[in-house]
Amino acid sequence: MKVKAFLLFLAVVFVSTGHAESTERPEDVIKKVFGADMVSAKVFNLTSRQVAFVKANLDGAEAIVKKTCKIYFAYKGKKTVGAAMVDNEPDKWGDNSVVVCIDPFTFRIKRVDTIFETTDKYKIRVRKNRGFLNQFSGRKLDEKIHLGEEINAVSGATITSRADTLSTKKIMLLYRLIAASWSKKKR
């Protein structure tokens, strides 16, 4: 009896403190946000000029801007219902992945989410702070967003808040650039 109680105690301690908390893959987040039944991705190559434009419009922040980026498209049947991009900026704990879901018809942010895997309870609390992430929802892609002005940081998590804001801002710029190139091709 004592052995069973001890094993149960160990199981409870392990489950409550030691397991890794993880969120879904980007495709899973995008399907949920848009109620989509399918998600596909397309890779876009940026020109040096486009990369320079994005860097110049990040208000002096040091950011990683890659020459290729991926846009995920969400579909319900054959109808496009949403788009999303993922970006990584380092935060206090390492790589920080942000998924920005975009309404492709209104050019507004539908939702910002994070993807992470950790056992750190503090990071889990910070990463799941919907109050912070919801500040981005509904914003137009051409709106200015600055941490400490339009966006309030999570108390005690300024570095992570800065990384999330920078990633979101970068995605807003990249999506607008790529969408502008689509409209030029259609002419």
N, C-alpha and C. Protein backbone atom coordinates (compact mmCIF):
# COMPACT_ATOMS: atom_id res chain seq x y z
N MET A 1 0.81 -1.19 0.00
CA MET A 1 0.00 0.00 0.00
C MET A 1 0.86 1.26 0.00
N LYS A 2 1.91 1.27 0.84
CA LYS A 2 2.79 2.43 0.90
C LYS A 2 3.52 2.64 -0.42
N VAL A 3 3.88 1.56 -1.09
CA VAL A 3 4.58 1.65 -2.38
C VAL A 3 3.66 2.29 -3.42
N LYS A 4 2.37 1.88 -3.45
CA LYS A 4 1.41 2.44 -4.40
C LYS A 4 1.22 3.94 -4.14
N ALA A 5 1.11 4.31 -2.87
CA ALA A 5 0.94 5.72 -2.52
C ALA A 5 2.17 6.53 -2.93
N PHE A 6 3.36 5.97 -2.71
CA PHE A 6 4.58 6.65 -3.08
C PHE A 6 4.68 6.82 -4.60
N LEU A 7 4.33 5.78 -5.35
CA LEU A 7 4.35 5.86 -6.82
C LEU A 7 3.34 6.89 -7.32
N LEU A 8 2.17 6.92 -6.71
CA LEU A 8 1.18 7.92 -7.08
C LEU A 8 1.71 9.33 -6.79
N PHE A 9 2.35 9.51 -5.64
CA PHE A 9 2.95 10.79 -5.29
C PHE A 9 3.98 11.21 -6.34
N LEU A 10 4.87 10.28 -6.72
CA LEU A 10 5.89 10.58 -7.74
C LEU A 10 5.25 10.95 -9.07
N ALA A 11 4.21 10.25 -9.45
CA ALA A 11 3.53 10.54 -10.71
C ALA A 11 2.94 11.94 -10.69
N VAL A 12 2.32 12.32 -9.58
CA VAL A 12 1.72 13.66 -9.46
C VAL A 12 2.81 14.73 -9.51
N VAL A 13 3.91 14.52 -8.79
CA VAL A 13 5.01 15.49 -8.80
C VAL A 13 5.58 15.62 -10.20
N PHE A 14 5.82 14.50 -10.88
CA PHE A 14 6.39 14.55 -12.23
C PHE A 14 5.45 15.27 -13.19
N VAL A 15 4.17 14.96 -13.15
CA VAL A 15 3.22 15.56 -14.08
C VAL A 15 3.07 17.05 -13.79
N SER A 16 3.09 17.45 -12.53
CA SER A 16 2.84 18.86 -12.22
C SER A 16 4.09 19.73 -12.34
N THR A 17 5.29 19.14 -12.32
CA THR A 17 6.47 20.01 -12.35
C THR A 17 7.47 19.70 -13.44
N GLY A 18 7.51 18.46 -13.92
CA GLY A 18 8.63 18.10 -14.77
C GLY A 18 8.33 17.93 -16.23
N HIS A 19 7.09 17.91 -16.64
CA HIS A 19 6.84 17.66 -18.05
C HIS A 19 6.98 18.93 -18.88
N ALA A 20 7.27 18.74 -20.14
CA ALA A 20 7.43 19.90 -21.04
C ALA A 20 6.07 20.34 -21.54
N GLU A 21 5.80 21.61 -21.43
CA GLU A 21 4.59 22.21 -21.99
C GLU A 21 4.93 22.59 -23.42
N SER A 22 4.05 22.28 -24.33
CA SER A 22 4.34 22.54 -25.73
C SER A 22 3.07 23.01 -26.43
N THR A 23 3.23 23.86 -27.40
CA THR A 23 2.10 24.25 -28.23
C THR A 23 2.22 23.51 -29.55
N GLU A 24 1.23 23.70 -30.38
CA GLU A 24 1.16 22.98 -31.63
C GLU A 24 2.17 23.47 -32.66
N ARG A 25 2.14 22.82 -33.79
CA ARG A 25 2.91 23.27 -34.95
C ARG A 25 2.18 24.49 -35.53
N PRO A 26 2.85 25.30 -36.37
CA PRO A 26 2.17 26.47 -36.95
C PRO A 26 0.88 26.07 -37.68
N GLU A 27 0.90 24.97 -38.41
CA GLU A 27 -0.28 24.53 -39.16
C GLU A 27 -1.47 24.28 -38.25
N ASP A 28 -1.22 23.73 -37.06
CA ASP A 28 -2.30 23.45 -36.11
C ASP A 28 -2.91 24.76 -35.59
N VAL A 29 -2.05 25.71 -35.26
CA VAL A 29 -2.52 27.01 -34.77
C VAL A 29 -3.36 27.68 -35.85
N ILE A 30 -2.88 27.67 -37.08
CA ILE A 30 -3.56 28.34 -38.20
C ILE A 30 -4.92 27.69 -38.48
N LYS A 31 -4.98 26.36 -38.45
CA LYS A 31 -6.26 25.67 -38.67
C LYS A 31 -7.28 26.08 -37.61
N LYS A 32 -6.84 26.14 -36.35
CA LYS A 32 -7.73 26.53 -35.25
C LYS A 32 -8.23 27.96 -35.42
N VAL A 33 -7.31 28.87 -35.70
CA VAL A 33 -7.67 30.30 -35.79
C VAL A 33 -8.68 30.55 -36.90
N PHE A 34 -8.48 29.93 -38.05
CA PHE A 34 -9.33 30.19 -39.21
C PHE A 34 -10.43 29.15 -39.41
N GLY A 35 -10.47 28.11 -38.57
CA GLY A 35 -11.45 27.04 -38.76
C GLY A 35 -11.24 26.35 -40.10
N ALA A 36 -9.98 26.24 -40.51
CA ALA A 36 -9.64 25.70 -41.83
C ALA A 36 -9.55 24.18 -41.80
N ASP A 37 -9.75 23.58 -42.96
CA ASP A 37 -9.56 22.14 -43.06
C ASP A 37 -8.25 21.78 -43.73
N MET A 38 -7.58 22.78 -44.30
CA MET A 38 -6.29 22.52 -44.94
C MET A 38 -5.40 23.76 -44.85
N VAL A 39 -4.10 23.53 -44.72
CA VAL A 39 -3.12 24.61 -44.70
C VAL A 39 -1.99 24.21 -45.66
N SER A 40 -1.60 25.15 -46.52
CA SER A 40 -0.44 24.91 -47.37
C SER A 40 0.52 26.08 -47.21
N ALA A 41 1.77 25.84 -47.54
CA ALA A 41 2.78 26.89 -47.38
C ALA A 41 3.45 27.18 -48.71
N LYS A 42 3.79 28.44 -48.89
CA LYS A 42 4.53 28.84 -50.08
C LYS A 42 5.74 29.64 -49.62
N VAL A 43 6.89 29.34 -50.21
CA VAL A 43 8.14 30.02 -49.86
C VAL A 43 8.34 31.18 -50.84
N PHE A 44 8.72 32.33 -50.31
CA PHE A 44 8.99 33.52 -51.11
C PHE A 44 10.43 33.94 -50.92
N ASN A 45 11.08 34.30 -52.01
CA ASN A 45 12.45 34.81 -51.95
C ASN A 45 12.39 36.32 -52.00
N LEU A 46 13.07 36.94 -51.06
CA LEU A 46 13.11 38.39 -51.00
C LEU A 46 14.35 38.91 -51.72
N THR A 47 14.22 40.08 -52.30
CA THR A 47 15.38 40.73 -52.90
C THR A 47 16.18 41.42 -51.80
N SER A 48 17.40 41.75 -52.10
CA SER A 48 18.22 42.49 -51.12
C SER A 48 17.56 43.82 -50.77
N ARG A 49 16.91 44.40 -51.74
CA ARG A 49 16.23 45.68 -51.53
C ARG A 49 15.05 45.52 -50.55
N GLN A 50 14.31 44.42 -50.67
CA GLN A 50 13.19 44.17 -49.76
C GLN A 50 13.69 43.91 -48.34
N VAL A 51 14.77 43.15 -48.22
CA VAL A 51 15.36 42.89 -46.89
C VAL A 51 15.80 44.20 -46.26
N ALA A 52 16.45 45.05 -47.05
CA ALA A 52 16.90 46.35 -46.54
C ALA A 52 15.71 47.22 -46.12
N PHE A 53 14.61 47.16 -46.88
CA PHE A 53 13.41 47.93 -46.55
C PHE A 53 12.86 47.50 -45.19
N VAL A 54 12.76 46.19 -44.99
CA VAL A 54 12.23 45.68 -43.72
C VAL A 54 13.12 46.12 -42.57
N LYS A 55 14.43 45.94 -42.71
CA LYS A 55 15.36 46.35 -41.64
C LYS A 55 15.27 47.84 -41.34
N ALA A 56 15.13 48.64 -42.39
CA ALA A 56 15.06 50.09 -42.21
C ALA A 56 13.78 50.54 -41.53
N ASN A 57 12.73 49.71 -41.60
CA ASN A 57 11.45 50.10 -41.03
C ASN A 57 11.14 49.44 -39.69
N LEU A 58 12.16 48.94 -39.04
CA LEU A 58 11.99 48.33 -37.72
C LEU A 58 12.44 49.27 -36.60
N ASP A 59 12.43 50.54 -36.89
CA ASP A 59 12.73 51.58 -35.88
C ASP A 59 14.07 51.37 -35.19
N GLY A 60 15.07 50.95 -35.95
CA GLY A 60 16.42 50.81 -35.41
C GLY A 60 16.68 49.54 -34.63
N ALA A 61 15.67 48.68 -34.52
CA ALA A 61 15.86 47.42 -33.79
C ALA A 61 16.74 46.48 -34.59
N GLU A 62 17.63 45.80 -33.89
CA GLU A 62 18.45 44.77 -34.54
C GLU A 62 17.57 43.55 -34.72
N ALA A 63 17.40 43.13 -35.95
CA ALA A 63 16.53 41.98 -36.21
C ALA A 63 17.14 41.08 -37.26
N ILE A 64 16.75 39.83 -37.20
CA ILE A 64 17.17 38.85 -38.19
C ILE A 64 16.12 38.87 -39.30
N VAL A 65 16.53 39.26 -40.51
CA VAL A 65 15.62 39.24 -41.65
C VAL A 65 16.23 38.32 -42.70
N LYS A 66 15.59 37.20 -42.90
CA LYS A 66 16.09 36.20 -43.84
C LYS A 66 15.66 36.52 -45.26
N LYS A 67 16.40 36.00 -46.23
CA LYS A 67 16.10 36.24 -47.65
C LYS A 67 14.93 35.40 -48.15
N THR A 68 14.54 34.40 -47.38
CA THR A 68 13.36 33.62 -47.75
C THR A 68 12.37 33.65 -46.59
N CYS A 69 11.11 33.64 -46.92
CA CYS A 69 10.09 33.56 -45.89
C CYS A 69 8.96 32.69 -46.41
N LYS A 70 8.18 32.20 -45.48
CA LYS A 70 7.10 31.27 -45.82
C LYS A 70 5.78 31.88 -45.38
N ILE A 71 4.81 31.83 -46.29
CA ILE A 71 3.45 32.23 -45.93
C ILE A 71 2.59 30.97 -45.97
N TYR A 72 1.85 30.78 -44.89
CA TYR A 72 0.91 29.67 -44.81
C TYR A 72 -0.46 30.19 -45.23
N PHE A 73 -1.15 29.44 -46.07
CA PHE A 73 -2.50 29.79 -46.50
C PHE A 73 -3.49 28.78 -45.93
N ALA A 74 -4.57 29.29 -45.33
CA ALA A 74 -5.59 28.44 -44.73
C ALA A 74 -6.79 28.37 -45.68
N TYR A 75 -7.33 27.16 -45.84
CA TYR A 75 -8.44 26.93 -46.78
C TYR A 75 -9.59 26.21 -46.08
N LYS A 76 -10.80 26.61 -46.45
CA LYS A 76 -12.02 25.87 -46.12
C LYS A 76 -12.55 25.43 -47.47
N GLY A 77 -12.44 24.14 -47.73
CA GLY A 77 -12.76 23.68 -49.08
C GLY A 77 -11.73 24.28 -50.03
N LYS A 78 -12.21 24.96 -51.06
CA LYS A 78 -11.30 25.59 -52.03
C LYS A 78 -11.12 27.08 -51.77
N LYS A 79 -11.80 27.60 -50.75
CA LYS A 79 -11.78 29.03 -50.47
C LYS A 79 -10.65 29.38 -49.49
N THR A 80 -9.86 30.39 -49.84
CA THR A 80 -8.82 30.90 -48.93
C THR A 80 -9.50 31.68 -47.82
N VAL A 81 -9.23 31.30 -46.58
CA VAL A 81 -9.86 31.97 -45.44
C VAL A 81 -8.86 32.71 -44.56
N GLY A 82 -7.57 32.50 -44.80
CA GLY A 82 -6.58 33.18 -43.96
C GLY A 82 -5.16 32.95 -44.43
N ALA A 83 -4.27 33.72 -43.85
CA ALA A 83 -2.84 33.59 -44.14
C ALA A 83 -2.10 33.78 -42.82
N ALA A 84 -0.89 33.26 -42.77
CA ALA A 84 -0.10 33.41 -41.55
C ALA A 84 1.38 33.31 -41.89
N MET A 85 2.17 33.90 -41.01
CA MET A 85 3.62 33.81 -41.12
C MET A 85 4.18 33.52 -39.73
N VAL A 86 5.35 32.89 -39.72
CA VAL A 86 6.03 32.57 -38.46
C VAL A 86 7.37 33.27 -38.48
N ASP A 87 7.77 33.81 -37.34
CA ASP A 87 9.07 34.46 -37.23
C ASP A 87 9.72 34.07 -35.91
N ASN A 88 11.03 34.09 -35.89
CA ASN A 88 11.80 33.77 -34.69
C ASN A 88 12.72 34.94 -34.34
N GLU A 89 12.61 35.41 -33.15
CA GLU A 89 13.54 36.39 -32.60
C GLU A 89 13.97 35.86 -31.24
N PRO A 90 15.23 35.98 -30.89
CA PRO A 90 15.66 35.45 -29.59
C PRO A 90 15.09 36.26 -28.43
N ASP A 91 14.73 35.53 -27.37
CA ASP A 91 14.32 36.19 -26.13
C ASP A 91 15.22 35.68 -25.02
N LYS A 92 14.85 35.92 -23.79
CA LYS A 92 15.69 35.55 -22.65
C LYS A 92 16.00 34.05 -22.61
N TRP A 93 15.08 33.23 -23.13
CA TRP A 93 15.23 31.77 -23.04
C TRP A 93 15.74 31.15 -24.34
N GLY A 94 16.05 31.92 -25.35
CA GLY A 94 16.50 31.36 -26.62
C GLY A 94 15.58 31.76 -27.75
N ASP A 95 15.34 30.83 -28.65
CA ASP A 95 14.50 31.13 -29.80
C ASP A 95 13.05 31.33 -29.38
N ASN A 96 12.43 32.31 -29.96
CA ASN A 96 11.07 32.70 -29.66
C ASN A 96 10.29 32.70 -30.96
N SER A 97 9.36 31.76 -31.15
CA SER A 97 8.59 31.67 -32.39
C SER A 97 7.22 32.29 -32.22
N VAL A 98 6.88 33.17 -33.14
CA VAL A 98 5.59 33.86 -33.11
C VAL A 98 4.86 33.55 -34.41
N VAL A 99 3.57 33.19 -34.30
CA VAL A 99 2.71 32.96 -35.46
C VAL A 99 1.75 34.14 -35.54
N VAL A 100 1.77 34.85 -36.67
CA VAL A 100 0.85 35.96 -36.87
C VAL A 100 -0.15 35.54 -37.93
N CYS A 101 -1.42 35.43 -37.52
CA CYS A 101 -2.50 35.05 -38.43
C CYS A 101 -3.14 36.32 -38.97
N ILE A 102 -3.28 36.37 -40.29
CA ILE A 102 -3.70 37.58 -40.98
C ILE A 102 -4.95 37.32 -41.81
N ASP A 103 -5.91 38.25 -41.73
CA ASP A 103 -7.06 38.19 -42.63
C ASP A 103 -6.59 38.75 -43.96
N PRO A 104 -6.51 37.94 -45.02
CA PRO A 104 -5.95 38.40 -46.28
C PRO A 104 -6.85 39.37 -47.05
N PHE A 105 -8.09 39.54 -46.59
CA PHE A 105 -9.01 40.44 -47.27
C PHE A 105 -9.05 41.83 -46.65
N THR A 106 -8.87 41.89 -45.33
CA THR A 106 -8.90 43.19 -44.64
C THR A 106 -7.50 43.67 -44.27
N PHE A 107 -6.50 42.80 -44.43
CA PHE A 107 -5.12 43.11 -44.04
C PHE A 107 -5.03 43.50 -42.57
N ARG A 108 -5.77 42.78 -41.75
CA ARG A 108 -5.74 42.97 -40.31
C ARG A 108 -5.23 41.70 -39.65
N ILE A 109 -4.59 41.90 -38.49
CA ILE A 109 -4.13 40.75 -37.72
C ILE A 109 -5.33 40.11 -37.04
N LYS A 110 -5.49 38.84 -37.25
CA LYS A 110 -6.59 38.10 -36.61
C LYS A 110 -6.16 37.61 -35.23
N ARG A 111 -4.93 37.10 -35.14
CA ARG A 111 -4.45 36.60 -33.85
C ARG A 111 -2.93 36.43 -33.92
N VAL A 112 -2.28 36.65 -32.78
CA VAL A 112 -0.86 36.36 -32.64
C VAL A 112 -0.74 35.26 -31.59
N ASP A 113 0.06 34.26 -31.91
CA ASP A 113 0.27 33.14 -31.00
C ASP A 113 1.75 32.84 -30.91
N THR A 114 2.12 32.06 -29.92
CA THR A 114 3.52 31.66 -29.77
C THR A 114 3.63 30.15 -29.81
N ILE A 115 4.78 29.69 -30.26
CA ILE A 115 5.07 28.26 -30.29
C ILE A 115 6.33 28.07 -29.45
N PHE A 116 6.25 27.18 -28.47
CA PHE A 116 7.39 26.98 -27.59
C PHE A 116 7.32 25.61 -26.96
N GLU A 117 8.42 25.16 -26.41
CA GLU A 117 8.46 23.94 -25.60
C GLU A 117 9.37 24.23 -24.42
N THR A 118 8.83 24.04 -23.23
CA THR A 118 9.59 24.37 -22.03
C THR A 118 9.03 23.65 -20.81
N THR A 119 9.84 23.55 -19.78
CA THR A 119 9.37 23.07 -18.48
C THR A 119 9.36 24.23 -17.49
N ASP A 120 9.85 25.39 -17.91
CA ASP A 120 9.95 26.56 -17.04
C ASP A 120 8.56 27.18 -16.83
N LYS A 121 8.05 27.12 -15.58
CA LYS A 121 6.70 27.62 -15.29
C LYS A 121 6.57 29.11 -15.58
N TYR A 122 7.62 29.88 -15.32
CA TYR A 122 7.56 31.31 -15.58
C TYR A 122 7.39 31.57 -17.07
N LYS A 123 8.18 30.86 -17.88
CA LYS A 123 8.07 31.06 -19.33
C LYS A 123 6.69 30.63 -19.82
N ILE A 124 6.16 29.55 -19.28
CA ILE A 124 4.82 29.11 -19.68
C ILE A 124 3.81 30.21 -19.38
N ARG A 125 3.91 30.82 -18.20
CA ARG A 125 2.98 31.89 -17.82
C ARG A 125 3.09 33.08 -18.76
N VAL A 126 4.33 33.47 -19.05
CA VAL A 126 4.56 34.62 -19.94
C VAL A 126 4.08 34.32 -21.35
N ARG A 127 4.41 33.14 -21.87
CA ARG A 127 4.08 32.80 -23.24
C ARG A 127 2.58 32.65 -23.45
N LYS A 128 1.86 32.30 -22.38
CA LYS A 128 0.41 32.10 -22.52
C LYS A 128 -0.37 33.36 -22.15
N ASN A 129 0.29 34.47 -21.97
CA ASN A 129 -0.39 35.70 -21.56
C ASN A 129 -1.20 36.25 -22.73
N ARG A 130 -2.46 35.86 -22.80
CA ARG A 130 -3.32 36.30 -23.91
C ARG A 130 -3.55 37.81 -23.87
N GLY A 131 -3.53 38.42 -22.70
CA GLY A 131 -3.73 39.86 -22.61
C GLY A 131 -2.69 40.60 -23.43
N PHE A 132 -1.43 40.16 -23.33
CA PHE A 132 -0.37 40.79 -24.12
C PHE A 132 -0.56 40.50 -25.60
N LEU A 133 -0.72 39.23 -25.96
CA LEU A 133 -0.82 38.86 -27.37
C LEU A 133 -2.07 39.43 -28.05
N ASN A 134 -3.15 39.58 -27.29
CA ASN A 134 -4.39 40.12 -27.87
C ASN A 134 -4.28 41.59 -28.26
N GLN A 135 -3.26 42.28 -27.78
CA GLN A 135 -3.08 43.69 -28.14
C GLN A 135 -2.81 43.86 -29.65
N PHE A 136 -2.35 42.80 -30.29
CA PHE A 136 -2.05 42.87 -31.72
C PHE A 136 -3.28 42.61 -32.58
N SER A 137 -4.25 41.88 -32.05
CA SER A 137 -5.43 41.49 -32.82
C SER A 137 -6.21 42.71 -33.31
N GLY A 138 -6.65 42.63 -34.57
CA GLY A 138 -7.45 43.70 -35.16
C GLY A 138 -6.64 44.83 -35.76
N ARG A 139 -5.35 44.86 -35.53
CA ARG A 139 -4.52 45.94 -36.08
C ARG A 139 -4.30 45.75 -37.58
N LYS A 140 -4.33 46.88 -38.29
CA LYS A 140 -4.04 46.84 -39.72
C LYS A 140 -2.54 46.62 -39.91
N LEU A 141 -2.19 46.00 -41.02
CA LEU A 141 -0.78 45.69 -41.27
C LEU A 141 0.07 46.94 -41.48
N ASP A 142 -0.56 48.08 -41.78
CA ASP A 142 0.23 49.30 -41.98
C ASP A 142 0.25 50.19 -40.72
N GLU A 143 -0.30 49.71 -39.63
CA GLU A 143 -0.27 50.47 -38.37
C GLU A 143 1.12 50.41 -37.75
N LYS A 144 1.47 51.45 -37.07
CA LYS A 144 2.72 51.46 -36.29
C LYS A 144 2.46 50.76 -34.96
N ILE A 145 3.40 49.95 -34.55
CA ILE A 145 3.32 49.34 -33.22
C ILE A 145 4.67 49.50 -32.53
N HIS A 146 4.62 50.04 -31.35
CA HIS A 146 5.83 50.25 -30.56
C HIS A 146 5.59 49.74 -29.15
N LEU A 147 6.52 48.98 -28.64
CA LEU A 147 6.43 48.50 -27.27
C LEU A 147 6.54 49.70 -26.34
N GLY A 148 5.63 49.79 -25.39
CA GLY A 148 5.62 50.91 -24.46
C GLY A 148 4.72 52.05 -24.92
N GLU A 149 4.25 51.98 -26.14
CA GLU A 149 3.31 53.00 -26.65
C GLU A 149 1.99 52.30 -26.99
N GLU A 150 1.86 51.78 -28.21
CA GLU A 150 0.63 51.09 -28.60
C GLU A 150 0.53 49.70 -27.95
N ILE A 151 1.66 49.11 -27.63
CA ILE A 151 1.71 47.76 -27.05
C ILE A 151 2.34 47.84 -25.66
N ASN A 152 1.65 47.30 -24.65
CA ASN A 152 2.17 47.25 -23.28
C ASN A 152 2.88 45.93 -23.05
N ALA A 153 4.06 46.00 -22.48
CA ALA A 153 4.86 44.80 -22.20
C ALA A 153 4.26 44.01 -21.04
N VAL A 154 4.60 42.73 -20.97
CA VAL A 154 4.26 41.91 -19.82
C VAL A 154 5.22 42.30 -18.71
N SER A 155 4.71 42.63 -17.54
CA SER A 155 5.55 43.01 -16.42
C SER A 155 6.52 41.89 -16.07
N GLY A 156 7.80 42.22 -16.02
CA GLY A 156 8.83 41.24 -15.71
C GLY A 156 9.28 40.42 -16.90
N ALA A 157 8.74 40.72 -18.08
CA ALA A 157 9.10 39.95 -19.28
C ALA A 157 9.32 40.89 -20.47
N THR A 158 10.07 41.94 -20.24
CA THR A 158 10.30 42.95 -21.27
C THR A 158 11.03 42.38 -22.48
N ILE A 159 12.01 41.51 -22.26
CA ILE A 159 12.79 40.97 -23.38
C ILE A 159 11.89 40.12 -24.28
N THR A 160 11.06 39.28 -23.69
CA THR A 160 10.14 38.45 -24.46
C THR A 160 9.10 39.32 -25.15
N SER A 161 8.58 40.32 -24.46
CA SER A 161 7.61 41.24 -25.07
C SER A 161 8.22 41.97 -26.26
N ARG A 162 9.48 42.37 -26.10
CA ARG A 162 10.19 43.05 -27.20
C ARG A 162 10.35 42.10 -28.39
N ALA A 163 10.73 40.85 -28.13
CA ALA A 163 10.91 39.87 -29.20
C ALA A 163 9.59 39.61 -29.93
N ASP A 164 8.49 39.45 -29.18
CA ASP A 164 7.19 39.22 -29.81
C ASP A 164 6.76 40.42 -30.66
N THR A 165 6.96 41.61 -30.14
CA THR A 165 6.58 42.82 -30.87
C THR A 165 7.42 42.97 -32.13
N LEU A 166 8.71 42.73 -32.03
CA LEU A 166 9.60 42.83 -33.19
C LEU A 166 9.22 41.81 -34.25
N SER A 167 8.95 40.57 -33.86
CA SER A 167 8.54 39.54 -34.81
C SER A 167 7.23 39.92 -35.50
N THR A 168 6.28 40.42 -34.74
CA THR A 168 4.98 40.81 -35.31
C THR A 168 5.16 41.96 -36.28
N LYS A 169 5.95 42.95 -35.90
CA LYS A 169 6.20 44.09 -36.78
C LYS A 169 6.88 43.64 -38.08
N LYS A 170 7.85 42.76 -37.95
CA LYS A 170 8.57 42.24 -39.12
C LYS A 170 7.61 41.50 -40.06
N ILE A 171 6.74 40.67 -39.49
CA ILE A 171 5.77 39.94 -40.31
C ILE A 171 4.81 40.90 -41.00
N MET A 172 4.37 41.95 -40.30
CA MET A 172 3.48 42.93 -40.90
C MET A 172 4.14 43.55 -42.15
N LEU A 173 5.40 43.91 -42.03
CA LEU A 173 6.13 44.49 -43.16
C LEU A 173 6.31 43.49 -44.29
N LEU A 174 6.73 42.28 -43.96
CA LEU A 174 6.98 41.25 -44.98
C LEU A 174 5.70 40.89 -45.74
N TYR A 175 4.61 40.71 -45.02
CA TYR A 175 3.36 40.34 -45.69
C TYR A 175 2.90 41.45 -46.63
N ARG A 176 3.00 42.69 -46.19
CA ARG A 176 2.63 43.81 -47.07
C ARG A 176 3.49 43.85 -48.31
N LEU A 177 4.80 43.64 -48.16
CA LEU A 177 5.70 43.63 -49.32
C LEU A 177 5.34 42.53 -50.31
N ILE A 178 5.11 41.35 -49.80
CA ILE A 178 4.80 40.21 -50.68
C ILE A 178 3.43 40.40 -51.33
N ALA A 179 2.45 40.86 -50.57
CA ALA A 179 1.12 41.10 -51.14
C ALA A 179 1.16 42.18 -52.21
N ALA A 180 1.99 43.20 -52.02
CA ALA A 180 2.15 44.25 -53.03
C ALA A 180 2.71 43.67 -54.33
N SER A 181 3.63 42.72 -54.20
CA SER A 181 4.21 42.09 -55.40
C SER A 181 3.16 41.25 -56.12
N TRP A 182 2.19 40.67 -55.38
CA TRP A 182 1.10 39.92 -56.04
C TRP A 182 0.25 40.84 -56.87
N SER A 183 -0.10 42.00 -56.31
CA SER A 183 -0.99 42.91 -57.05
C SER A 183 -0.28 43.46 -58.30
N LYS A 184 1.03 43.63 -58.23
CA LYS A 184 1.77 44.09 -59.41
C LYS A 184 1.77 43.03 -60.50
N LYS A 185 1.86 41.76 -60.11
CA LYS A 185 1.86 40.66 -61.08
C LYS A 185 0.51 40.50 -61.75
N LYS A 186 -0.58 40.85 -61.04
CA LYS A 186 -1.93 40.68 -61.59
C LYS A 186 -2.27 41.76 -62.62
N ARG A 187 -1.53 42.85 -62.62
CA ARG A 187 -1.83 43.96 -63.54
C ARG A 187 -1.44 43.62 -64.96
